[in-house]
N, C-alpha and C. Protein backbone atom coordinates (compact mmCIF):
# COMPACT_ATOMS: atom_id res chain seq x y z
N MET A 1 60.14 43.27 -31.98
CA MET A 1 59.30 42.09 -31.79
C MET A 1 57.87 42.50 -31.47
N ALA A 2 57.73 43.55 -30.64
CA ALA A 2 56.38 44.01 -30.30
C ALA A 2 55.66 44.53 -31.53
N GLU A 3 56.41 45.12 -32.48
CA GLU A 3 55.80 45.64 -33.70
C GLU A 3 55.19 44.51 -34.52
N LYS A 4 55.88 43.37 -34.62
CA LYS A 4 55.32 42.24 -35.36
C LYS A 4 54.06 41.72 -34.70
N LYS A 5 54.06 41.67 -33.37
CA LYS A 5 52.88 41.20 -32.65
C LYS A 5 51.70 42.13 -32.91
N THR A 6 51.95 43.44 -32.87
CA THR A 6 50.90 44.42 -33.13
C THR A 6 50.37 44.27 -34.54
N LYS A 7 51.26 44.14 -35.52
CA LYS A 7 50.83 44.00 -36.92
C LYS A 7 50.02 42.74 -37.11
N ASN A 8 50.47 41.63 -36.50
CA ASN A 8 49.74 40.38 -36.65
C ASN A 8 48.36 40.47 -36.00
N ASP A 9 48.29 41.07 -34.82
CA ASP A 9 47.00 41.22 -34.14
C ASP A 9 46.07 42.09 -34.98
N VAL A 10 46.59 43.18 -35.52
CA VAL A 10 45.79 44.12 -36.30
C VAL A 10 45.33 43.50 -37.61
N SER A 11 46.19 42.76 -38.25
CA SER A 11 45.86 42.21 -39.57
C SER A 11 44.71 41.20 -39.51
N LYS A 12 44.44 40.66 -38.34
CA LYS A 12 43.36 39.68 -38.20
C LYS A 12 42.01 40.33 -37.91
N LEU A 13 42.01 41.63 -37.62
CA LEU A 13 40.78 42.32 -37.27
C LEU A 13 40.00 42.75 -38.50
N ASN A 14 38.68 42.74 -38.38
CA ASN A 14 37.86 43.32 -39.45
C ASN A 14 37.78 44.82 -39.22
N PHE A 15 37.16 45.53 -40.14
CA PHE A 15 37.12 46.99 -40.09
C PHE A 15 36.43 47.49 -38.82
N GLU A 16 35.28 46.94 -38.52
CA GLU A 16 34.50 47.41 -37.37
C GLU A 16 35.25 47.22 -36.05
N ASP A 17 35.88 46.05 -35.89
CA ASP A 17 36.64 45.79 -34.67
C ASP A 17 37.86 46.70 -34.57
N SER A 18 38.47 46.99 -35.72
CA SER A 18 39.61 47.90 -35.74
C SER A 18 39.20 49.30 -35.28
N ILE A 19 38.05 49.76 -35.74
CA ILE A 19 37.56 51.08 -35.35
C ILE A 19 37.24 51.11 -33.85
N LYS A 20 36.62 50.06 -33.34
CA LYS A 20 36.32 50.00 -31.91
C LYS A 20 37.60 50.07 -31.08
N ARG A 21 38.60 49.32 -31.51
CA ARG A 21 39.87 49.30 -30.80
C ARG A 21 40.54 50.67 -30.88
N LEU A 22 40.47 51.30 -32.04
CA LEU A 22 41.06 52.62 -32.22
C LEU A 22 40.37 53.66 -31.33
N LYS A 23 39.05 53.60 -31.24
CA LYS A 23 38.32 54.53 -30.36
C LYS A 23 38.73 54.34 -28.91
N ALA A 24 38.91 53.10 -28.49
CA ALA A 24 39.31 52.82 -27.10
C ALA A 24 40.70 53.39 -26.83
N ILE A 25 41.59 53.27 -27.79
CA ILE A 25 42.95 53.81 -27.64
C ILE A 25 42.89 55.33 -27.52
N VAL A 26 42.12 55.97 -28.38
CA VAL A 26 42.00 57.43 -28.35
C VAL A 26 41.46 57.88 -27.00
N GLU A 27 40.45 57.21 -26.50
CA GLU A 27 39.88 57.58 -25.19
C GLU A 27 40.92 57.44 -24.08
N GLN A 28 41.70 56.36 -24.11
CA GLN A 28 42.73 56.15 -23.10
C GLN A 28 43.77 57.26 -23.14
N ILE A 29 44.23 57.59 -24.33
CA ILE A 29 45.25 58.63 -24.47
C ILE A 29 44.70 59.98 -24.06
N GLU A 30 43.46 60.28 -24.46
CA GLU A 30 42.85 61.58 -24.12
C GLU A 30 42.66 61.75 -22.63
N GLN A 31 42.40 60.68 -21.91
CA GLN A 31 42.23 60.77 -20.46
C GLN A 31 43.52 61.18 -19.77
N GLY A 32 44.65 60.85 -20.40
CA GLY A 32 45.94 61.26 -19.87
C GLY A 32 46.34 60.58 -18.59
N GLU A 33 45.72 59.49 -18.25
CA GLU A 33 46.01 58.81 -16.99
C GLU A 33 46.92 57.60 -17.17
N ILE A 34 47.54 57.48 -18.33
CA ILE A 34 48.45 56.36 -18.54
C ILE A 34 49.88 56.89 -18.63
N LEU A 35 50.82 56.04 -18.35
CA LEU A 35 52.23 56.42 -18.39
C LEU A 35 52.65 56.77 -19.81
N LEU A 36 53.68 57.55 -19.93
CA LEU A 36 54.17 57.98 -21.23
C LEU A 36 54.50 56.78 -22.12
N GLN A 37 55.20 55.80 -21.58
CA GLN A 37 55.57 54.62 -22.38
C GLN A 37 54.33 53.89 -22.88
N ASP A 38 53.35 53.74 -22.01
CA ASP A 38 52.10 53.09 -22.42
C ASP A 38 51.38 53.92 -23.48
N SER A 39 51.44 55.22 -23.32
CA SER A 39 50.81 56.12 -24.28
C SER A 39 51.46 55.98 -25.66
N LEU A 40 52.78 55.88 -25.67
CA LEU A 40 53.50 55.70 -26.93
C LEU A 40 53.15 54.36 -27.59
N GLU A 41 53.05 53.33 -26.79
CA GLU A 41 52.68 52.02 -27.32
C GLU A 41 51.26 52.04 -27.89
N GLN A 42 50.36 52.72 -27.17
CA GLN A 42 48.98 52.84 -27.65
C GLN A 42 48.94 53.63 -28.96
N TYR A 43 49.74 54.69 -29.01
CA TYR A 43 49.81 55.51 -30.22
C TYR A 43 50.30 54.66 -31.40
N GLU A 44 51.33 53.87 -31.16
CA GLU A 44 51.88 53.00 -32.21
C GLU A 44 50.82 52.01 -32.69
N GLN A 45 50.10 51.43 -31.75
CA GLN A 45 49.05 50.48 -32.13
C GLN A 45 47.94 51.20 -32.89
N GLY A 46 47.61 52.42 -32.46
CA GLY A 46 46.59 53.21 -33.15
C GLY A 46 46.99 53.49 -34.59
N MET A 47 48.24 53.82 -34.81
CA MET A 47 48.72 54.09 -36.17
C MET A 47 48.64 52.82 -37.03
N ALA A 48 48.95 51.68 -36.43
CA ALA A 48 48.84 50.40 -37.16
C ALA A 48 47.38 50.13 -37.51
N LEU A 49 46.48 50.44 -36.60
CA LEU A 49 45.05 50.25 -36.86
C LEU A 49 44.56 51.16 -37.99
N ILE A 50 45.02 52.41 -37.98
CA ILE A 50 44.64 53.35 -39.05
C ILE A 50 45.12 52.83 -40.39
N LYS A 51 46.35 52.37 -40.45
CA LYS A 51 46.90 51.83 -41.70
C LYS A 51 46.09 50.62 -42.16
N HIS A 52 45.74 49.77 -41.22
CA HIS A 52 44.95 48.57 -41.53
C HIS A 52 43.57 48.96 -42.07
N CYS A 53 42.92 49.92 -41.42
CA CYS A 53 41.60 50.37 -41.87
C CYS A 53 41.66 50.98 -43.27
N ARG A 54 42.68 51.77 -43.52
CA ARG A 54 42.84 52.36 -44.86
C ARG A 54 42.99 51.28 -45.92
N GLY A 55 43.74 50.24 -45.59
CA GLY A 55 43.90 49.13 -46.53
C GLY A 55 42.58 48.43 -46.81
N ILE A 56 41.79 48.22 -45.76
CA ILE A 56 40.48 47.59 -45.93
C ILE A 56 39.59 48.46 -46.81
N LEU A 57 39.60 49.77 -46.56
CA LEU A 57 38.77 50.69 -47.36
C LEU A 57 39.22 50.73 -48.82
N GLN A 58 40.52 50.68 -49.06
CA GLN A 58 41.02 50.67 -50.44
C GLN A 58 40.58 49.40 -51.16
N GLN A 59 40.62 48.27 -50.47
CA GLN A 59 40.16 47.02 -51.08
C GLN A 59 38.67 47.10 -51.40
N ALA A 60 37.90 47.66 -50.50
CA ALA A 60 36.46 47.80 -50.72
C ALA A 60 36.19 48.71 -51.91
N GLU A 61 36.94 49.78 -52.00
CA GLU A 61 36.78 50.72 -53.11
C GLU A 61 37.08 50.03 -54.45
N LYS A 62 38.13 49.24 -54.48
CA LYS A 62 38.48 48.51 -55.70
C LYS A 62 37.38 47.53 -56.09
N ARG A 63 36.80 46.85 -55.09
CA ARG A 63 35.70 45.92 -55.38
C ARG A 63 34.50 46.66 -55.96
N ILE A 64 34.19 47.82 -55.38
CA ILE A 64 33.05 48.61 -55.86
C ILE A 64 33.29 49.06 -57.29
N GLU A 65 34.50 49.53 -57.58
CA GLU A 65 34.84 49.95 -58.94
C GLU A 65 34.71 48.78 -59.92
N LYS A 66 35.16 47.61 -59.50
CA LYS A 66 35.09 46.43 -60.35
C LYS A 66 33.62 46.05 -60.60
N ILE A 67 32.82 46.07 -59.55
CA ILE A 67 31.41 45.74 -59.68
C ILE A 67 30.71 46.75 -60.59
N SER A 68 31.00 48.02 -60.38
CA SER A 68 30.38 49.07 -61.19
C SER A 68 30.77 48.92 -62.65
N LYS A 69 32.03 48.63 -62.91
CA LYS A 69 32.49 48.45 -64.28
C LYS A 69 31.81 47.24 -64.92
N THR A 70 31.69 46.17 -64.16
CA THR A 70 31.05 44.96 -64.67
C THR A 70 29.59 45.24 -65.01
N ASP A 71 28.90 45.99 -64.14
CA ASP A 71 27.49 46.32 -64.39
C ASP A 71 27.35 47.17 -65.65
N GLN A 72 28.27 48.07 -65.89
CA GLN A 72 28.20 48.94 -67.07
C GLN A 72 28.52 48.17 -68.34
N ASP A 73 29.40 47.19 -68.24
CA ASP A 73 29.83 46.43 -69.42
C ASP A 73 28.82 45.36 -69.83
N GLU A 74 28.00 44.91 -68.89
CA GLU A 74 27.05 43.84 -69.21
C GLU A 74 25.93 44.36 -70.07
N PRO A 75 25.57 43.61 -71.12
CA PRO A 75 24.43 44.04 -71.94
C PRO A 75 23.13 43.87 -71.16
N LYS A 76 22.20 44.76 -71.44
CA LYS A 76 20.90 44.68 -70.76
C LYS A 76 20.12 43.49 -71.31
N PRO A 77 19.38 42.80 -70.46
CA PRO A 77 18.50 41.74 -70.95
C PRO A 77 17.47 42.35 -71.90
N ALA A 78 16.96 41.54 -72.80
CA ALA A 78 16.06 42.01 -73.85
C ALA A 78 14.83 42.72 -73.29
N ASP A 79 14.24 42.21 -72.21
CA ASP A 79 13.04 42.85 -71.66
C ASP A 79 13.36 44.21 -71.04
N GLU A 80 14.52 44.35 -70.42
CA GLU A 80 14.91 45.65 -69.87
C GLU A 80 15.18 46.64 -71.00
N GLU A 81 15.79 46.15 -72.06
CA GLU A 81 16.09 47.01 -73.21
C GLU A 81 14.79 47.48 -73.86
N ALA A 82 13.82 46.57 -73.98
CA ALA A 82 12.54 46.93 -74.58
C ALA A 82 11.81 47.94 -73.69
N ASP A 83 11.87 47.76 -72.37
CA ASP A 83 11.25 48.71 -71.45
C ASP A 83 11.89 50.09 -71.58
N ALA A 84 13.20 50.12 -71.70
CA ALA A 84 13.91 51.39 -71.83
C ALA A 84 13.51 52.09 -73.13
N GLU A 85 13.38 51.32 -74.22
CA GLU A 85 12.99 51.90 -75.50
C GLU A 85 11.56 52.43 -75.44
N ALA A 86 10.66 51.67 -74.82
CA ALA A 86 9.26 52.10 -74.71
C ALA A 86 9.17 53.36 -73.85
N GLU A 87 9.95 53.41 -72.80
CA GLU A 87 9.94 54.59 -71.94
C GLU A 87 10.45 55.81 -72.70
N ALA A 88 11.49 55.63 -73.48
CA ALA A 88 12.02 56.73 -74.28
C ALA A 88 11.00 57.21 -75.30
N GLU A 89 10.30 56.29 -75.94
CA GLU A 89 9.27 56.66 -76.91
C GLU A 89 8.13 57.41 -76.23
N GLY A 90 7.76 56.95 -75.03
CA GLY A 90 6.68 57.60 -74.28
C GLY A 90 7.07 59.03 -73.90
N GLU A 91 8.31 59.22 -73.51
CA GLU A 91 8.78 60.56 -73.18
C GLU A 91 8.77 61.45 -74.41
N ALA A 92 9.14 60.90 -75.56
CA ALA A 92 9.15 61.68 -76.80
C ALA A 92 7.73 62.09 -77.17
N GLU A 93 6.78 61.19 -76.98
CA GLU A 93 5.39 61.51 -77.28
C GLU A 93 4.87 62.58 -76.33
N ASP A 94 5.25 62.49 -75.04
CA ASP A 94 4.83 63.50 -74.06
C ASP A 94 5.38 64.86 -74.43
N GLU A 95 6.61 64.91 -74.89
CA GLU A 95 7.22 66.19 -75.27
C GLU A 95 6.53 66.77 -76.50
N ALA A 96 6.10 65.91 -77.42
CA ALA A 96 5.44 66.36 -78.63
C ALA A 96 4.09 66.98 -78.32
N LEU A 97 3.44 66.52 -77.25
CA LEU A 97 2.14 67.05 -76.87
C LEU A 97 2.24 68.47 -76.33
N PHE A 98 3.38 68.82 -75.77
CA PHE A 98 3.51 70.14 -75.16
C PHE A 98 4.19 71.02 -76.10
């Protein structure tokens, strides 16, 4: 039952809040001033937070890939295409001079 509560609490957090919570857990465990049972519970919550953060990062990566692919697939507007052609011609003329 506690595992479901932890998962539900974690799933509602954004990435930044998850990282803050994870840092707090690490500090608590590193201090060594908590009971073993509490330490285990904190560890379990920390692992859930790590899994949650990885999921958020994977989703972000997929969005970036999708955006990048969309940008590559879109045709350039006519004025950008003309600018690119003029720039290429200018570079060719510069090379011919040397």
